[in-house]
Amino acid sequence: MEPVRTCVGCRARAPRATLTRVVAFDTQLVLDESASMPGRGAWVHATRECVDAAIRRRAFGRALRVSGSLDTQTLQNHFQRNG
């Protein structure tokens, strides 16, 4: 049975293989493409719509249990370049 995670952007449940893991490194959001970085991770569909929704709803901070603001610029740049 394949693990299921919830996208923090659209709140839909999906197989882990179809989502991208994001972690907080200091105050910056970083893609964890190998899904092996230490610490809490937030899962999001690899679409600009889901990433934008998660940023707009401030879902990354809640999911990662980080107080204060997170730098989302690197994450936004990645998804703007890659569609």
Protein backbone atom coordinates (compact mmCIF):
# COMPACT_ATOMS: atom_id res chain seq x y z
CA MET A 1 0.00 0.00 0.00
CA GLU A 2 1.44 3.34 -1.08
CA PRO A 3 1.72 6.17 1.50
CA VAL A 4 -0.79 9.01 1.12
CA ARG A 5 -0.12 12.65 2.00
CA THR A 6 -2.23 15.83 1.92
CA CYS A 7 -1.27 18.76 -0.31
CA VAL A 8 -1.03 21.94 1.80
CA GLY A 9 -2.18 23.98 -1.22
CA CYS A 10 -5.40 22.33 -2.36
CA ARG A 11 -5.88 20.06 0.69
CA ALA A 12 -6.44 17.02 -1.56
CA ARG A 13 -5.05 13.64 -0.50
CA ALA A 14 -2.70 12.06 -3.03
CA PRO A 15 -0.06 9.34 -3.22
CA ARG A 16 3.29 10.47 -1.86
CA ALA A 17 4.94 9.89 -5.25
CA THR A 18 2.80 12.61 -6.87
CA LEU A 19 3.67 15.32 -4.30
CA THR A 20 6.81 17.34 -3.60
CA ARG A 21 8.20 17.69 -0.08
CA VAL A 22 9.19 21.14 1.19
CA VAL A 23 11.19 21.80 4.36
CA ALA A 24 12.17 24.96 6.22
CA PHE A 25 15.89 25.65 6.41
CA ASP A 26 16.29 28.56 8.84
CA THR A 27 13.59 30.89 7.48
CA GLN A 28 13.74 29.76 3.86
CA LEU A 29 11.59 27.13 2.16
CA VAL A 30 13.65 24.50 0.33
CA LEU A 31 12.53 21.74 -2.02
CA ASP A 32 13.39 18.29 -0.70
CA GLU A 33 13.39 16.41 -3.99
CA SER A 34 14.80 13.23 -2.46
CA ALA A 35 12.31 13.43 0.45
CA SER A 36 15.12 12.60 2.88
CA MET A 37 16.07 15.90 4.54
CA PRO A 38 15.72 15.97 8.32
CA GLY A 39 12.88 17.73 10.08
CA ARG A 40 9.22 18.31 9.37
CA GLY A 41 8.09 18.42 5.79
CA ALA A 42 5.10 19.88 4.02
CA TRP A 43 3.77 18.16 0.91
CA VAL A 44 2.48 20.08 -2.11
CA HIS A 45 1.53 19.27 -5.70
CA ALA A 46 4.23 20.42 -8.12
CA THR A 47 1.94 23.02 -9.70
CA ARG A 48 2.09 26.76 -9.44
CA GLU A 49 -1.59 26.87 -8.42
CA CYS A 50 -1.08 24.67 -5.35
CA VAL A 51 2.13 26.43 -4.32
CA ASP A 52 0.49 29.87 -4.68
CA ALA A 53 -2.55 28.71 -2.70
CA ALA A 54 -0.32 27.37 0.09
CA ILE A 55 1.64 30.63 0.24
CA ARG A 56 -1.53 32.75 0.17
CA ARG A 57 -3.09 30.68 2.99
CA ARG A 58 0.21 30.63 4.94
CA ALA A 59 -0.08 26.85 5.04
CA PHE A 60 3.66 26.18 4.92
CA GLY A 61 4.27 27.90 8.26
CA ARG A 62 1.48 25.96 9.94
CA ALA A 63 2.44 22.61 8.43
CA LEU A 64 6.11 23.06 9.31
CA ARG A 65 5.29 24.56 12.72
CA VAL A 66 7.44 27.62 12.11
CA SER A 67 6.59 30.86 13.87
CA GLY A 68 7.21 34.03 11.93
CA SER A 69 7.43 34.50 8.21
CA LEU A 70 9.12 32.18 5.75
CA ASP A 71 11.07 33.22 2.65
CA THR A 72 9.15 31.68 -0.22
CA GLN A 73 11.03 33.39 -3.06
CA THR A 74 13.21 30.37 -3.96
CA LEU A 75 10.17 28.11 -4.07
CA GLN A 76 8.18 30.57 -6.19
CA ASN A 77 11.09 31.02 -8.61
CA HIS A 78 11.44 27.26 -9.03
CA PHE A 79 7.79 26.77 -9.96
CA GLN A 80 7.70 29.82 -12.24
CA ARG A 81 10.67 28.44 -14.21
CA ASN A 82 9.33 24.90 -14.35
CA GLY A 83 5.69 25.67 -14.96
